[in-house]
N, C-alpha and C. Protein backbone atom coordinates (compact mmCIF):
# COMPACT_ATOMS: atom_id res chain seq x y z
N MET A 1 -86.22 -22.72 45.54
CA MET A 1 -87.69 -22.38 46.02
C MET A 1 -87.93 -21.08 45.43
N LYS A 2 -89.22 -20.94 44.99
CA LYS A 2 -89.65 -19.58 44.46
C LYS A 2 -90.12 -18.61 45.73
N THR A 3 -89.89 -17.38 45.24
CA THR A 3 -90.63 -16.43 46.39
C THR A 3 -91.97 -16.68 46.93
N GLU A 4 -93.03 -17.08 46.24
CA GLU A 4 -94.05 -17.22 46.87
C GLU A 4 -94.28 -18.31 47.53
N GLU A 5 -93.56 -19.33 47.23
CA GLU A 5 -93.42 -20.69 48.21
C GLU A 5 -92.71 -20.42 49.56
N LEU A 6 -91.64 -19.49 49.17
CA LEU A 6 -90.88 -18.92 50.71
C LEU A 6 -91.73 -18.06 51.60
N ILE A 7 -92.46 -17.20 51.02
CA ILE A 7 -93.42 -16.36 51.64
C ILE A 7 -94.66 -17.30 52.56
N ARG A 8 -95.17 -18.19 51.75
CA ARG A 8 -95.95 -19.13 52.27
C ARG A 8 -95.62 -19.98 53.49
N ALA A 9 -94.23 -20.31 53.34
CA ALA A 9 -93.63 -21.16 54.43
C ALA A 9 -93.32 -20.19 55.59
N LEU A 10 -92.93 -18.84 55.35
CA LEU A 10 -92.74 -17.91 56.47
C LEU A 10 -94.21 -17.68 57.09
N VAL A 11 -95.29 -17.43 56.67
CA VAL A 11 -96.43 -17.38 56.94
C VAL A 11 -97.15 -18.45 58.01
N SER A 12 -96.68 -19.74 57.07
CA SER A 12 -97.23 -20.88 58.14
C SER A 12 -96.46 -21.20 59.34
N ASP A 13 -95.10 -20.91 59.30
CA ASP A 13 -94.44 -20.70 60.43
C ASP A 13 -94.94 -19.85 61.34
N CYS A 14 -95.11 -18.54 60.94
CA CYS A 14 -95.58 -17.73 62.18
C CYS A 14 -97.01 -17.85 62.70
N THR A 15 -97.55 -18.78 61.91
CA THR A 15 -99.07 -19.18 62.54
C THR A 15 -99.16 -20.18 63.36
N ILE A 16 -97.99 -21.20 63.22
CA ILE A 16 -97.83 -22.20 63.99
C ILE A 16 -97.00 -22.28 65.33
N ARG A 17 -95.97 -21.14 65.27
CA ARG A 17 -95.26 -20.99 66.36
C ARG A 17 -95.81 -20.50 67.80
N PRO A 18 -96.72 -19.44 67.76
CA PRO A 18 -97.28 -19.01 69.00
C PRO A 18 -97.96 -19.96 69.56
N VAL A 19 -98.66 -20.94 68.96
CA VAL A 19 -99.33 -22.32 69.59
C VAL A 19 -98.19 -23.19 70.58
N ALA A 20 -97.03 -23.34 69.35
CA ALA A 20 -96.20 -24.04 70.06
C ALA A 20 -95.30 -23.62 71.27
N LEU A 21 -95.38 -22.12 71.22
CA LEU A 21 -94.93 -21.29 72.38
C LEU A 21 -95.43 -21.59 73.58
N ARG A 22 -96.90 -21.59 73.33
CA ARG A 22 -97.96 -21.74 74.57
C ARG A 22 -97.73 -23.19 75.17
N GLN A 23 -97.67 -24.11 74.35
CA GLN A 23 -97.45 -25.61 74.50
C GLN A 23 -96.42 -25.63 75.57
N ALA A 24 -95.05 -25.05 74.88
CA ALA A 24 -94.10 -25.06 75.66
C ALA A 24 -94.00 -24.31 76.99
N PHE A 25 -94.68 -23.49 77.13
CA PHE A 25 -95.04 -22.65 78.47
C PHE A 25 -95.70 -23.37 79.11
N ALA A 26 -96.67 -24.34 78.97
CA ALA A 26 -97.55 -25.16 79.94
C ALA A 26 -96.38 -26.33 79.98
N LEU A 27 -95.60 -26.85 79.40
CA LEU A 27 -94.80 -27.98 79.68
C LEU A 27 -93.67 -27.47 80.45
N ALA A 28 -93.33 -26.25 80.47
CA ALA A 28 -92.24 -25.66 81.48
C ALA A 28 -92.86 -25.79 82.75
N VAL A 29 -94.00 -24.62 82.91
CA VAL A 29 -94.62 -24.26 83.84
C VAL A 29 -95.46 -25.26 84.96
N ILE A 30 -96.20 -26.04 84.34
CA ILE A 30 -97.18 -27.22 85.05
C ILE A 30 -96.21 -27.81 86.07
N PRO A 31 -95.17 -28.46 85.39
CA PRO A 31 -94.47 -29.41 86.31
C PRO A 31 -93.75 -28.49 87.47
N ALA A 32 -93.41 -27.34 87.03
CA ALA A 32 -92.59 -26.23 88.11
C ALA A 32 -93.81 -26.01 89.47
N VAL A 33 -95.03 -25.86 88.97
CA VAL A 33 -96.12 -25.64 89.86
C VAL A 33 -96.42 -26.87 90.57
N ALA A 34 -96.54 -28.15 89.50
CA ALA A 34 -96.42 -29.30 90.60
C ALA A 34 -95.62 -29.35 91.88
N ILE A 35 -94.29 -29.10 91.62
CA ILE A 35 -93.41 -29.39 92.44
C ILE A 35 -93.75 -28.18 93.53
N THR A 36 -94.06 -27.14 93.06
CA THR A 36 -94.35 -26.34 94.25
C THR A 36 -95.61 -26.37 94.96
N LEU A 37 -96.40 -27.16 94.57
CA LEU A 37 -97.74 -27.53 95.41
C LEU A 37 -97.17 -28.79 96.34
N CYS A 38 -96.48 -29.57 95.68
CA CYS A 38 -95.92 -30.69 96.93
C CYS A 38 -95.13 -29.93 97.93
N LEU A 39 -94.38 -28.94 97.56
CA LEU A 39 -93.55 -28.19 98.64
C LEU A 39 -94.33 -27.47 99.51
N TYR A 40 -95.39 -26.84 99.04
CA TYR A 40 -96.34 -26.19 99.89
C TYR A 40 -97.02 -27.11 100.77
N PHE A 41 -97.59 -28.21 100.32
CA PHE A 41 -98.15 -29.27 101.15
C PHE A 41 -97.38 -29.70 102.42
N VAL A 42 -96.06 -30.14 101.83
CA VAL A 42 -95.13 -30.53 103.07
C VAL A 42 -94.55 -29.67 103.84
N VAL A 43 -94.34 -28.51 103.56
CA VAL A 43 -93.68 -27.25 104.28
C VAL A 43 -94.87 -26.58 104.96
N LEU A 44 -95.77 -25.97 104.34
CA LEU A 44 -96.81 -25.02 104.73
C LEU A 44 -98.28 -25.61 104.89
N GLY A 45 -98.67 -26.06 104.10
CA GLY A 45 -100.12 -26.34 104.11
C GLY A 45 -101.09 -25.39 104.05
N PRO A 46 -102.49 -25.63 103.91
CA PRO A 46 -103.48 -24.76 103.83
C PRO A 46 -104.06 -24.34 105.28
N ARG A 47 -104.42 -23.07 105.40
CA ARG A 47 -105.00 -22.68 106.74
C ARG A 47 -106.05 -23.54 107.35
N PRO A 48 -106.05 -23.82 108.64
CA PRO A 48 -107.23 -24.37 109.22
C PRO A 48 -108.77 -23.88 108.88
N HIS A 49 -109.56 -24.48 108.50
CA HIS A 49 -111.03 -24.36 108.14
C HIS A 49 -111.09 -23.21 106.91
N LEU A 50 -110.19 -23.41 106.09
CA LEU A 50 -110.23 -22.49 104.91
C LEU A 50 -111.13 -22.27 104.33
N MET A 51 -112.05 -23.48 103.89
CA MET A 51 -113.13 -23.07 103.06
C MET A 51 -114.45 -22.37 103.76
N ALA A 52 -114.52 -22.81 105.07
CA ALA A 52 -115.58 -22.17 106.03
C ALA A 52 -115.00 -20.54 106.23
N LEU A 53 -113.73 -19.97 106.12
CA LEU A 53 -113.30 -18.92 106.45
C LEU A 53 -113.72 -18.08 105.53
N LEU A 54 -113.45 -18.76 103.95
CA LEU A 54 -113.82 -18.05 102.83
C LEU A 54 -115.07 -17.61 102.51
N ALA A 55 -116.18 -18.01 103.14
CA ALA A 55 -117.40 -17.74 103.21
C ALA A 55 -117.88 -16.56 104.07
N THR A 56 -117.08 -16.37 105.08
CA THR A 56 -117.20 -15.45 106.25
C THR A 56 -116.29 -14.45 106.26
N GLU A 57 -115.02 -14.51 105.75
CA GLU A 57 -113.80 -13.47 105.81
C GLU A 57 -113.76 -12.87 104.43
N PRO A 58 -114.14 -11.92 104.00
CA PRO A 58 -114.18 -11.15 102.63
C PRO A 58 -112.67 -10.67 102.59
N ARG A 59 -111.82 -10.40 103.59
CA ARG A 59 -110.39 -9.91 103.41
C ARG A 59 -109.74 -10.99 103.00
N LEU A 60 -109.98 -12.25 103.46
CA LEU A 60 -109.23 -13.69 102.96
C LEU A 60 -109.41 -14.01 101.68
N LEU A 61 -110.80 -13.65 101.19
CA LEU A 61 -111.29 -14.09 100.13
C LEU A 61 -110.66 -12.88 98.94
N PHE A 62 -110.78 -11.68 99.24
CA PHE A 62 -109.93 -10.68 98.48
C PHE A 62 -108.65 -10.71 98.21
N LYS A 63 -107.80 -11.46 99.33
CA LYS A 63 -106.40 -11.77 99.12
C LYS A 63 -106.24 -12.73 98.19
N ILE A 64 -106.51 -13.59 98.35
CA ILE A 64 -106.62 -14.93 97.43
C ILE A 64 -106.87 -14.63 96.09
N GLY A 65 -108.25 -13.73 96.06
CA GLY A 65 -108.70 -13.67 94.71
C GLY A 65 -107.62 -12.54 93.92
N LEU A 66 -106.93 -11.67 94.57
CA LEU A 66 -106.25 -10.72 93.82
C LEU A 66 -105.02 -11.30 93.46
N ALA A 67 -104.45 -12.31 94.19
CA ALA A 67 -103.09 -13.34 94.03
C ALA A 67 -103.37 -13.84 92.43
N PHE A 68 -104.52 -14.43 92.85
CA PHE A 68 -105.00 -15.22 91.45
C PHE A 68 -105.25 -14.55 90.16
N LEU A 69 -105.68 -13.15 90.30
CA LEU A 69 -105.86 -12.11 89.40
C LEU A 69 -104.49 -11.91 88.57
N LEU A 70 -103.60 -11.49 89.62
CA LEU A 70 -102.30 -11.37 89.28
C LEU A 70 -101.58 -12.39 88.71
N VAL A 71 -102.03 -13.89 89.06
CA VAL A 71 -101.38 -14.72 88.05
C VAL A 71 -101.71 -14.86 86.59
N LEU A 72 -102.99 -14.75 86.72
CA LEU A 72 -103.49 -14.59 84.91
C LEU A 72 -102.99 -13.44 84.30
N LEU A 73 -102.66 -12.17 84.76
CA LEU A 73 -102.39 -10.77 84.02
C LEU A 73 -100.90 -11.03 83.91
N SER A 74 -100.21 -11.47 84.65
CA SER A 74 -98.88 -11.69 84.66
C SER A 74 -98.42 -12.60 83.70
N ALA A 75 -99.32 -13.90 83.55
CA ALA A 75 -99.12 -14.93 82.74
C ALA A 75 -99.27 -14.24 81.21
N LEU A 76 -100.08 -13.61 80.92
CA LEU A 76 -100.62 -12.91 79.68
C LEU A 76 -99.52 -11.96 79.44
N TRP A 77 -98.97 -11.18 80.30
CA TRP A 77 -97.70 -10.19 80.03
C TRP A 77 -96.55 -10.99 79.65
N VAL A 78 -96.13 -12.12 80.22
CA VAL A 78 -94.95 -12.70 79.92
C VAL A 78 -95.13 -13.35 78.70
N LEU A 79 -96.26 -14.10 78.43
CA LEU A 79 -96.25 -14.66 77.05
C LEU A 79 -96.14 -13.60 75.86
N ARG A 80 -96.98 -12.48 76.07
CA ARG A 80 -96.73 -11.58 75.10
C ARG A 80 -95.13 -11.12 74.94
N LEU A 81 -94.57 -10.87 76.01
CA LEU A 81 -93.00 -10.49 75.91
C LEU A 81 -92.22 -11.52 75.17
N ALA A 82 -92.57 -12.75 75.29
CA ALA A 82 -91.85 -13.79 74.82
C ALA A 82 -91.61 -14.08 73.24
N ARG A 83 -92.43 -13.01 72.59
CA ARG A 83 -92.81 -13.17 71.16
C ARG A 83 -92.35 -11.97 70.59
N PRO A 84 -91.20 -11.94 69.59
CA PRO A 84 -91.00 -10.60 68.95
C PRO A 84 -92.55 -10.14 68.03
N GLY A 85 -92.19 -8.69 68.05
CA GLY A 85 -93.47 -8.37 67.03
C GLY A 85 -94.99 -8.65 67.68
N ILE A 86 -94.86 -8.65 69.00
CA ILE A 86 -96.43 -8.61 69.59
C ILE A 86 -96.18 -7.50 70.67
N ASP A 87 -97.04 -6.44 70.45
CA ASP A 87 -97.00 -5.18 71.48
C ASP A 87 -97.54 -5.72 72.88
N PRO A 88 -96.60 -5.81 73.87
CA PRO A 88 -97.06 -6.06 75.22
C PRO A 88 -97.68 -5.06 76.10
N ARG A 89 -97.91 -3.89 75.59
CA ARG A 89 -98.31 -2.52 76.27
C ARG A 89 -99.75 -3.03 76.84
N ARG A 90 -100.58 -3.53 76.24
CA ARG A 90 -101.93 -3.86 76.89
C ARG A 90 -102.21 -4.55 77.79
N ALA A 91 -101.15 -5.55 77.72
CA ALA A 91 -100.93 -6.82 78.84
C ALA A 91 -100.47 -5.94 79.97
N ALA A 92 -99.32 -5.02 80.06
CA ALA A 92 -98.77 -4.47 80.93
C ALA A 92 -99.88 -3.43 81.61
N LEU A 93 -100.49 -2.91 80.88
CA LEU A 93 -101.65 -1.81 81.20
C LEU A 93 -102.63 -2.52 82.03
N ALA A 94 -103.00 -3.80 81.51
CA ALA A 94 -104.07 -4.59 82.25
C ALA A 94 -103.62 -4.66 83.83
N LEU A 95 -102.20 -4.75 83.80
CA LEU A 95 -101.90 -5.05 85.41
C LEU A 95 -102.04 -4.11 86.43
N CYS A 96 -102.35 -2.78 85.71
CA CYS A 96 -102.52 -1.74 86.54
C CYS A 96 -103.83 -1.89 87.54
N ILE A 97 -104.80 -2.66 87.13
CA ILE A 97 -105.70 -3.00 87.90
C ILE A 97 -105.45 -3.57 89.37
N ILE A 98 -104.35 -4.43 89.62
CA ILE A 98 -103.74 -4.94 90.64
C ILE A 98 -103.69 -3.58 91.88
N PRO A 99 -102.57 -2.82 91.33
CA PRO A 99 -102.58 -1.89 92.34
C PRO A 99 -103.80 -1.04 92.54
N VAL A 100 -104.80 -0.64 91.69
CA VAL A 100 -105.80 0.17 91.86
C VAL A 100 -106.82 -0.67 93.00
N LEU A 101 -107.06 -2.07 92.64
CA LEU A 101 -107.75 -3.00 93.77
C LEU A 101 -107.22 -2.78 95.27
N LEU A 102 -105.87 -3.32 94.99
CA LEU A 102 -105.02 -3.08 96.47
C LEU A 102 -105.32 -1.82 97.19
N GLY A 103 -104.99 -0.67 96.33
CA GLY A 103 -105.05 0.72 96.94
C GLY A 103 -106.69 1.10 97.40
N THR A 104 -107.20 0.44 96.84
CA THR A 104 -108.95 0.56 97.21
C THR A 104 -109.18 -0.21 98.42
N ALA A 105 -108.88 -1.14 98.46
CA ALA A 105 -108.69 -2.08 99.85
C ALA A 105 -108.18 -1.55 100.83
N VAL A 106 -107.22 -0.85 100.75
CA VAL A 106 -106.11 -0.35 101.68
C VAL A 106 -106.88 0.88 102.43
N ALA A 107 -107.45 1.61 101.36
CA ALA A 107 -108.26 2.79 101.59
C ALA A 107 -109.57 2.34 102.56
N LEU A 108 -110.17 1.31 102.26
CA LEU A 108 -111.28 0.91 103.10
C LEU A 108 -111.13 0.38 104.58
N GLU A 109 -109.54 -0.05 104.44
CA GLU A 109 -109.32 -0.59 105.57
C GLU A 109 -108.82 0.74 106.62
N PHE A 110 -108.59 1.78 106.13
CA PHE A 110 -108.11 2.90 106.85
C PHE A 110 -109.37 3.61 107.62
N HIS A 111 -110.59 3.40 106.77
CA HIS A 111 -111.78 3.50 107.26
C HIS A 111 -112.46 2.86 108.22
N THR A 112 -112.38 1.77 108.06
CA THR A 112 -112.92 0.55 108.99
C THR A 112 -112.22 0.11 110.17
N VAL A 113 -110.77 0.51 110.20
CA VAL A 113 -110.01 -0.34 111.48
C VAL A 113 -109.76 1.17 112.23
N PRO A 114 -109.66 0.73 113.47
CA PRO A 114 -109.18 2.09 114.31
C PRO A 114 -107.76 2.57 113.88
N ALA A 115 -107.25 3.56 114.26
CA ALA A 115 -105.89 4.09 113.79
C ALA A 115 -105.08 3.50 114.79
N SER A 116 -105.74 3.18 115.91
CA SER A 116 -104.42 2.57 117.01
C SER A 116 -104.08 1.09 116.68
N LEU A 117 -104.78 0.26 115.61
CA LEU A 117 -104.39 -0.95 115.06
C LEU A 117 -103.89 -1.11 113.69
N TRP A 118 -103.60 0.16 113.00
CA TRP A 118 -103.05 0.27 111.85
C TRP A 118 -101.80 -0.32 111.58
N THR A 119 -100.77 0.03 112.78
CA THR A 119 -99.61 -0.41 112.64
C THR A 119 -99.40 -2.18 113.06
N GLN A 120 -100.41 -2.49 113.85
CA GLN A 120 -100.39 -3.98 114.11
C GLN A 120 -100.87 -4.71 113.01
N LYS A 121 -101.89 -4.33 112.26
CA LYS A 121 -102.24 -4.85 110.91
C LYS A 121 -101.33 -5.08 110.09
N ALA A 122 -100.46 -4.10 109.64
CA ALA A 122 -99.53 -3.86 108.93
C ALA A 122 -98.32 -5.02 109.28
N ILE A 123 -97.98 -4.77 110.14
CA ILE A 123 -97.06 -5.82 110.89
C ILE A 123 -97.43 -7.33 110.96
N GLY A 124 -98.69 -7.57 111.03
CA GLY A 124 -99.14 -8.83 111.21
C GLY A 124 -98.49 -9.77 112.37
N THR A 125 -98.61 -11.25 111.93
CA THR A 125 -98.06 -11.82 113.09
C THR A 125 -96.68 -12.83 112.38
N ASN A 126 -96.43 -12.59 111.10
CA ASN A 126 -95.46 -13.42 110.37
C ASN A 126 -94.91 -12.70 109.06
N ALA A 127 -94.50 -11.96 109.35
CA ALA A 127 -93.96 -10.94 108.20
C ALA A 127 -92.78 -11.46 107.44
N VAL A 128 -91.93 -11.91 108.48
CA VAL A 128 -90.52 -12.37 107.64
C VAL A 128 -90.84 -13.97 107.12
N HIS A 129 -91.67 -14.59 107.90
CA HIS A 129 -92.18 -15.87 107.21
C HIS A 129 -92.63 -15.59 106.00
N CYS A 130 -93.51 -14.39 105.75
CA CYS A 130 -94.18 -14.24 104.62
C CYS A 130 -93.29 -14.20 103.47
N LEU A 131 -92.09 -13.29 103.64
CA LEU A 131 -91.41 -12.85 102.58
C LEU A 131 -90.37 -14.02 102.13
N LYS A 132 -90.07 -15.02 103.17
CA LYS A 132 -89.37 -16.01 102.93
C LYS A 132 -90.15 -17.15 102.07
N SER A 133 -91.44 -17.18 102.58
CA SER A 133 -92.18 -18.33 101.98
C SER A 133 -92.67 -18.02 100.61
N ILE A 134 -93.11 -16.87 100.24
CA ILE A 134 -93.50 -16.44 98.99
C ILE A 134 -92.47 -16.41 98.08
N THR A 135 -91.13 -16.23 98.40
CA THR A 135 -89.83 -16.42 97.59
C THR A 135 -89.74 -17.91 97.42
N PHE A 136 -89.81 -18.78 98.65
CA PHE A 136 -89.59 -20.06 98.14
C PHE A 136 -90.49 -20.65 97.32
N LEU A 137 -91.72 -20.40 97.51
CA LEU A 137 -92.87 -20.93 96.66
C LEU A 137 -92.79 -20.44 94.97
N GLY A 138 -91.93 -19.30 94.95
CA GLY A 138 -91.91 -18.70 93.51
C GLY A 138 -90.71 -19.09 92.95
N PHE A 139 -89.57 -19.79 93.66
CA PHE A 139 -88.52 -19.97 92.97
C PHE A 139 -88.49 -21.03 91.74
N ALA A 140 -89.07 -22.16 92.18
CA ALA A 140 -89.23 -23.24 91.06
C ALA A 140 -89.78 -22.74 90.03
N PRO A 141 -91.19 -21.94 90.06
CA PRO A 141 -91.54 -21.48 88.72
C PRO A 141 -90.73 -20.31 87.96
N LEU A 142 -90.01 -19.54 88.89
CA LEU A 142 -89.22 -18.43 88.23
C LEU A 142 -88.23 -19.28 87.29
N ILE A 143 -87.54 -20.44 87.94
CA ILE A 143 -86.41 -20.95 87.02
C ILE A 143 -87.20 -21.62 85.65
N ALA A 144 -88.52 -22.22 86.10
CA ALA A 144 -88.92 -22.70 84.89
C ALA A 144 -89.24 -21.85 83.54
N ILE A 145 -90.00 -20.28 84.00
CA ILE A 145 -90.20 -19.57 83.22
C ILE A 145 -89.11 -19.12 82.44
N LEU A 146 -87.99 -18.92 83.15
CA LEU A 146 -86.86 -18.35 82.63
C LEU A 146 -86.26 -19.26 81.71
N LEU A 147 -86.17 -20.33 81.91
CA LEU A 147 -85.94 -21.58 80.88
C LEU A 147 -86.74 -21.51 79.72
N TRP A 148 -88.02 -21.43 79.83
CA TRP A 148 -88.99 -21.33 78.56
C TRP A 148 -88.75 -20.22 77.93
N LEU A 149 -88.59 -19.01 78.47
CA LEU A 149 -88.21 -17.67 77.65
C LEU A 149 -86.95 -17.80 77.00
N ARG A 150 -86.09 -18.65 77.25
CA ARG A 150 -84.97 -18.95 76.44
C ARG A 150 -85.18 -19.44 75.09
N TYR A 151 -86.28 -20.03 74.98
CA TYR A 151 -86.87 -20.82 73.72
C TYR A 151 -87.91 -19.77 72.97
N GLY A 152 -88.25 -18.80 73.50
CA GLY A 152 -88.77 -17.77 72.90
C GLY A 152 -87.87 -16.69 72.24
N ALA A 153 -88.24 -15.58 71.82
CA ALA A 153 -87.45 -14.45 71.39
C ALA A 153 -87.91 -13.37 72.05
N PRO A 154 -87.56 -12.92 73.08
CA PRO A 154 -87.84 -11.77 73.90
C PRO A 154 -86.99 -10.67 73.45
N CYS A 155 -87.66 -9.49 72.91
CA CYS A 155 -86.78 -8.34 72.32
C CYS A 155 -86.26 -7.45 73.62
N ASP A 156 -87.07 -7.56 74.73
CA ASP A 156 -86.66 -6.92 75.82
C ASP A 156 -86.06 -7.87 77.17
N PRO A 157 -84.91 -8.69 77.03
CA PRO A 157 -84.71 -9.47 77.98
C PRO A 157 -85.06 -9.18 79.63
N VAL A 158 -85.03 -7.72 79.89
CA VAL A 158 -85.01 -7.32 81.37
C VAL A 158 -86.48 -7.52 81.60
N ALA A 159 -87.09 -6.69 80.66
CA ALA A 159 -88.82 -6.92 80.76
C ALA A 159 -89.43 -8.33 80.83
N ALA A 160 -88.57 -9.20 80.02
CA ALA A 160 -89.29 -10.56 80.02
C ALA A 160 -88.65 -11.10 81.37
N GLY A 161 -87.56 -11.13 81.81
CA GLY A 161 -87.19 -11.68 82.99
C GLY A 161 -88.15 -11.01 84.29
N ALA A 162 -88.26 -9.83 84.07
CA ALA A 162 -89.11 -9.26 85.12
C ALA A 162 -90.64 -9.85 85.39
N ALA A 163 -90.90 -10.07 84.12
CA ALA A 163 -92.50 -10.36 83.90
C ALA A 163 -92.74 -11.77 84.32
N GLY A 164 -91.46 -12.40 84.04
CA GLY A 164 -91.53 -13.78 84.72
C GLY A 164 -91.17 -13.95 85.93
N GLY A 165 -90.49 -13.20 86.68
CA GLY A 165 -90.40 -13.05 88.30
C GLY A 165 -91.89 -12.52 88.63
N LEU A 166 -92.20 -11.69 88.04
CA LEU A 166 -93.82 -11.26 88.61
C LEU A 166 -94.75 -12.42 88.55
N LEU A 167 -94.60 -13.26 87.52
CA LEU A 167 -95.66 -14.21 87.35
C LEU A 167 -94.90 -15.38 88.51
N ALA A 168 -94.02 -15.41 88.55
CA ALA A 168 -93.51 -16.66 89.75
C ALA A 168 -93.70 -16.06 91.28
N GLY A 169 -93.72 -14.62 91.46
CA GLY A 169 -94.10 -14.03 92.65
C GLY A 169 -95.59 -14.33 92.92
N ALA A 170 -96.14 -14.10 91.76
CA ALA A 170 -98.05 -14.35 91.94
C ALA A 170 -98.38 -15.67 92.47
N ILE A 171 -97.47 -16.74 91.67
CA ILE A 171 -97.90 -17.96 92.03
C ILE A 171 -97.57 -18.20 93.37
N GLY A 172 -96.54 -17.82 93.80
CA GLY A 172 -95.87 -18.03 95.16
C GLY A 172 -96.96 -17.48 96.19
N ALA A 173 -97.38 -16.16 95.76
CA ALA A 173 -98.48 -15.30 96.85
C ALA A 173 -99.65 -15.81 96.64
N PHE A 174 -100.16 -16.69 95.60
CA PHE A 174 -101.49 -17.34 95.65
C PHE A 174 -101.53 -18.38 96.58
N LEU A 175 -100.38 -19.29 96.35
CA LEU A 175 -100.60 -20.36 97.48
C LEU A 175 -100.20 -20.21 98.81
N TYR A 176 -99.31 -18.83 99.11
CA TYR A 176 -99.19 -18.77 100.69
C TYR A 176 -100.33 -17.99 100.77
N ALA A 177 -101.17 -17.43 100.13
CA ALA A 177 -102.38 -16.50 100.77
C ALA A 177 -103.26 -17.58 101.39
N THR A 178 -103.35 -18.86 101.05
CA THR A 178 -104.01 -19.78 101.60
C THR A 178 -103.64 -20.60 102.71
N HIS A 179 -102.38 -20.11 103.19
CA HIS A 179 -101.92 -20.37 104.52
C HIS A 179 -101.93 -19.40 105.28
N CYS A 180 -101.36 -18.00 104.98
CA CYS A 180 -101.24 -16.98 105.83
C CYS A 180 -102.44 -16.67 106.70
N PRO A 181 -102.25 -16.50 107.90
CA PRO A 181 -103.22 -15.77 108.83
C PRO A 181 -103.64 -14.22 109.05
N ASP A 182 -102.75 -13.49 108.04
CA ASP A 182 -102.94 -12.11 108.19
C ASP A 182 -103.45 -11.72 106.97
N ASP A 183 -104.86 -11.43 107.13
CA ASP A 183 -105.68 -10.75 106.02
C ASP A 183 -105.91 -9.68 105.75
N SER A 184 -105.44 -8.82 106.52
CA SER A 184 -105.54 -7.28 106.27
C SER A 184 -104.82 -6.72 104.86
N PRO A 185 -105.48 -5.86 104.50
CA PRO A 185 -104.89 -5.14 103.30
C PRO A 185 -103.78 -4.68 103.51
N PHE A 186 -103.50 -4.13 104.59
CA PHE A 186 -102.39 -3.33 105.04
C PHE A 186 -101.04 -4.43 104.98
N PHE A 187 -101.19 -5.52 105.45
CA PHE A 187 -100.12 -6.55 105.34
C PHE A 187 -100.00 -7.11 104.09
N VAL A 188 -101.15 -7.42 103.11
CA VAL A 188 -100.69 -7.74 101.80
C VAL A 188 -99.99 -6.69 101.22
N ALA A 189 -100.59 -5.57 101.27
CA ALA A 189 -99.86 -4.45 100.51
C ALA A 189 -98.28 -4.24 100.79
N LEU A 190 -98.03 -4.55 102.00
CA LEU A 190 -96.29 -4.22 102.47
C LEU A 190 -95.66 -5.32 102.00
N TRP A 191 -96.14 -6.60 102.68
CA TRP A 191 -95.13 -7.88 102.56
C TRP A 191 -95.26 -8.51 101.54
N TYR A 192 -96.41 -8.88 101.10
CA TYR A 192 -96.62 -9.79 99.63
C TYR A 192 -95.90 -8.76 98.67
N THR A 193 -96.25 -7.25 98.71
CA THR A 193 -95.75 -6.74 97.67
C THR A 193 -94.12 -6.79 97.73
N LEU A 194 -93.55 -6.85 98.80
CA LEU A 194 -92.05 -6.76 99.07
C LEU A 194 -91.60 -7.94 98.39
N ALA A 195 -92.38 -9.18 98.89
CA ALA A 195 -91.76 -10.61 98.27
C ALA A 195 -92.04 -10.54 96.92
N ILE A 196 -92.95 -10.12 96.18
CA ILE A 196 -93.22 -10.17 94.75
C ILE A 196 -92.09 -9.43 94.09
N ALA A 197 -91.91 -8.23 94.60
CA ALA A 197 -90.75 -7.26 94.28
C ALA A 197 -89.52 -7.99 93.89
N PHE A 198 -89.17 -8.40 95.07
CA PHE A 198 -87.92 -9.09 94.91
C PHE A 198 -87.72 -10.39 93.80
N LEU A 199 -88.92 -11.06 93.67
CA LEU A 199 -88.62 -12.11 92.79
C LEU A 199 -88.84 -11.31 91.31
N THR A 200 -89.51 -10.28 91.21
CA THR A 200 -89.49 -9.54 89.99
C THR A 200 -88.18 -9.01 89.54
N ALA A 201 -87.67 -8.61 90.59
CA ALA A 201 -86.13 -7.91 90.49
C ALA A 201 -85.11 -8.85 90.04
N LEU A 202 -85.29 -10.15 90.85
CA LEU A 202 -84.62 -11.16 90.43
C LEU A 202 -84.73 -11.58 89.01
N GLY A 203 -85.75 -11.68 88.59
CA GLY A 203 -86.29 -12.17 87.40
C GLY A 203 -85.62 -11.34 86.36
N ALA A 204 -85.66 -9.94 86.49
CA ALA A 204 -85.01 -8.96 85.68
C ALA A 204 -83.47 -8.96 85.34
N VAL A 205 -82.96 -9.45 86.59
CA VAL A 205 -81.44 -9.35 86.72
C VAL A 205 -81.08 -10.63 85.91
N ALA A 206 -81.76 -11.79 85.95
CA ALA A 206 -81.40 -12.91 85.21
C ALA A 206 -81.83 -12.91 83.95
N GLY A 207 -82.96 -12.12 83.35
CA GLY A 207 -83.30 -12.10 82.19
C GLY A 207 -82.09 -11.24 81.34
N SER A 208 -81.66 -10.30 82.13
CA SER A 208 -80.78 -9.43 81.18
C SER A 208 -79.35 -10.21 80.99
N ARG A 209 -79.29 -11.58 81.83
CA ARG A 209 -77.92 -12.25 81.54
C ARG A 209 -78.37 -13.41 80.70
N LEU A 210 -79.52 -14.07 80.76
CA LEU A 210 -79.86 -15.15 80.25
C LEU A 210 -80.42 -15.21 78.78
N LEU A 211 -81.26 -14.04 78.68
CA LEU A 211 -82.11 -14.05 77.60
C LEU A 211 -81.76 -13.15 76.50
N ARG A 212 -80.51 -12.72 76.60
CA ARG A 212 -79.84 -11.99 75.51
C ARG A 212 -79.83 -12.82 74.03
N TRP A 213 -80.02 -12.06 73.10
CA TRP A 213 -79.91 -12.94 71.76
C TRP A 213 -78.53 -13.15 71.15
């Protein structure tokens, strides 16, 4: 093969591979999310009168919307980390909007909720159930994402695994948010963050072992 033909073949391969990687991502994650949805409806189920509450309870709408935004941004981050030669820093920087939004909501809660209720709002009614449920709902997506990452070529296995764990935690948090009766940003900032952080750390540890070249 001539040098020019080899170059053209390599360029063609680079052009096609990202599309294939995204397709593989969908093929891996969609079935895992479908399994998670089945488990969600069997074990948890949506909160009673959810649609009506969305129209009247801004904290609930914020909680679900924030989790959905985290799903989108963490998916973008993990997609970039799966491919060598792609700078993931912009995607990682975009994730900073999540703590900014949540911090703003917490600040507003401090101003609108009496100080005597702060501890009650933060502890909520089912903190342990929240931790267990988000982890439970994020487990199948985490396995699927890690298996998919093995077909990519992440240059940083720990970061890629952490991003996969973050995405899995975001998926679990989004589904659980539609079930959870605790809508206070205090509760979300404490317990949702702990559950997502656990899956992120789990993904980082798994990535360090499973995603090495």
